[in-house]
Amino acid sequence: MKNILFLTTGGTISCVATDDGLEPTLSGADILKAVPELRTVGHITVKDLTKIDSSNVTPANWSEWAGLIGDYYTDYDGFVITHGTDTMAYTSSALSYMLINLGKPVVLTGSQVPLSMTNSDARSNLELAFTIAASGLPGVFIAFGNKVIKGDCAKKIFTRNYNAFESVNEAPVLYFGKEGVKKNLPSRENVGGFRVENKMEEKVMAITVTPGLKPDIIDYAVARGYKGLVLECYGAGGVNAGRDNILPALRRAIKAGVRIVCVSQCLFDGVDLSLYPMGILAAQAGVESGGPMTLEAAVTRLMWVLGNKPVEED
C-alpha cells in the first residue's frame, strides 16, 4: 500500500458549529475517524498544520508547507492537504511553482459544507483526493466535486455549489460527467531532480482595471514599496489610455524596477497584448503578458519569481 502524508490546515471541511458560528476544529485524526474507508487507500500519517479559515492563509504558510513537503518527500508516495475553499486556488498555484520537478501527487481538497454536517460534500472529496494521492500522478492538484484540476489552472467560481472549482484554459486532469470519465493526464515521467524553491515576495498587489481608475494608484503602490503588480485588464489586455491614462504611471513603475503582469478579467482565453491598440501600448510600456493564467496563478507566480529569481530572469 502507498504511504500518504495527510496535512490539515483548517477550512470549512474541519468546521463544527459553535455559539460564534462555524469554526475549524476537527483534527486529521477526527477526519479519518469520520471517514475510516480512507485507510483502505494506503498507510496514512496525519500532521495537523493549522486550524484557520483560509482567508487567513499567507505566503508564509505556503513557504512553510512547501518546505515540509520537501522534508518528507522521500518518505511518502503522495500528499493530501485539506484547505478552505476561498484561497485554495492561491495555495495550489503557489505550491505548483515552489515544488520544482515534482514527481509525486500533492492534492488539495476541502468542502463547501463541513464534514460534521449530514449534507456535506467532504466525504466524496476526501475519497477522490486520497485516490489521486495514491495514483502516482505527478503534480499539484485540486480534487473537488467532479473534477481533478492542475493546481495552477484552478479558480473557485461558486460560493455554494458542490462543483466549486473550474479548470481555466486547460482541460481538467479528470472530469466525471454524464458521458463518463474524461482524462487529460500529466506525464508520469519526472523531468529532473526534485527541489523546493519556497521564497515568496509578499509585496505584490493585484489591481483590477475599471472605468475611471486613477493612475495614482500605480504611483501609490510604488511609493509603498510594492515589487510587483498584477493588472486584471479588460478582455484581451486593454487598459485605460484616454482621460484616465495609466500608461505613464505604468512606465514610471517599470522604470523604478516594478514587475507588472497583465491578466484578463474574463474567465477564459486569457490576454493577447498584440491584438488591440490598448494592449500593444501596454506591452510597449513594459507590461508583461500573463497569457492564459488566472489571477491566482499570476499573483503567486510573480511572488515566487521575485522571491527566487534574479531580476533579469523569468
Foldseek 3Di string as FASTA:
>chain_A
DFEEEEEEAAAQQQWDQDPVGTFRDHAPVNVCVLQVCLVVLDHYDYDYDHHDHQVPDDLVNLLVVLVVCVVCVVVGQFYEYEHHDPCQLLSLLLSQVFWPLFLAEYEYEYWLHYPVDPPTPGNVQSSQRSNRRSPRQGAYWYRFDFFIAGSQQWDQDDNRDRRRIDGAADDTCWGQDPVGIDHDGDDSDRPDDIDGQRFFARLEEEDEADVPDALVVLVVSVVVPRQEYEYAAEDQFAHDCPPRRNLVSLLVSVVVRHAYEYWYPDRYQIHDLVPDPRSVSNVVSPYHYPGRGDPSNVRSVVRRCVGGHDSVDD
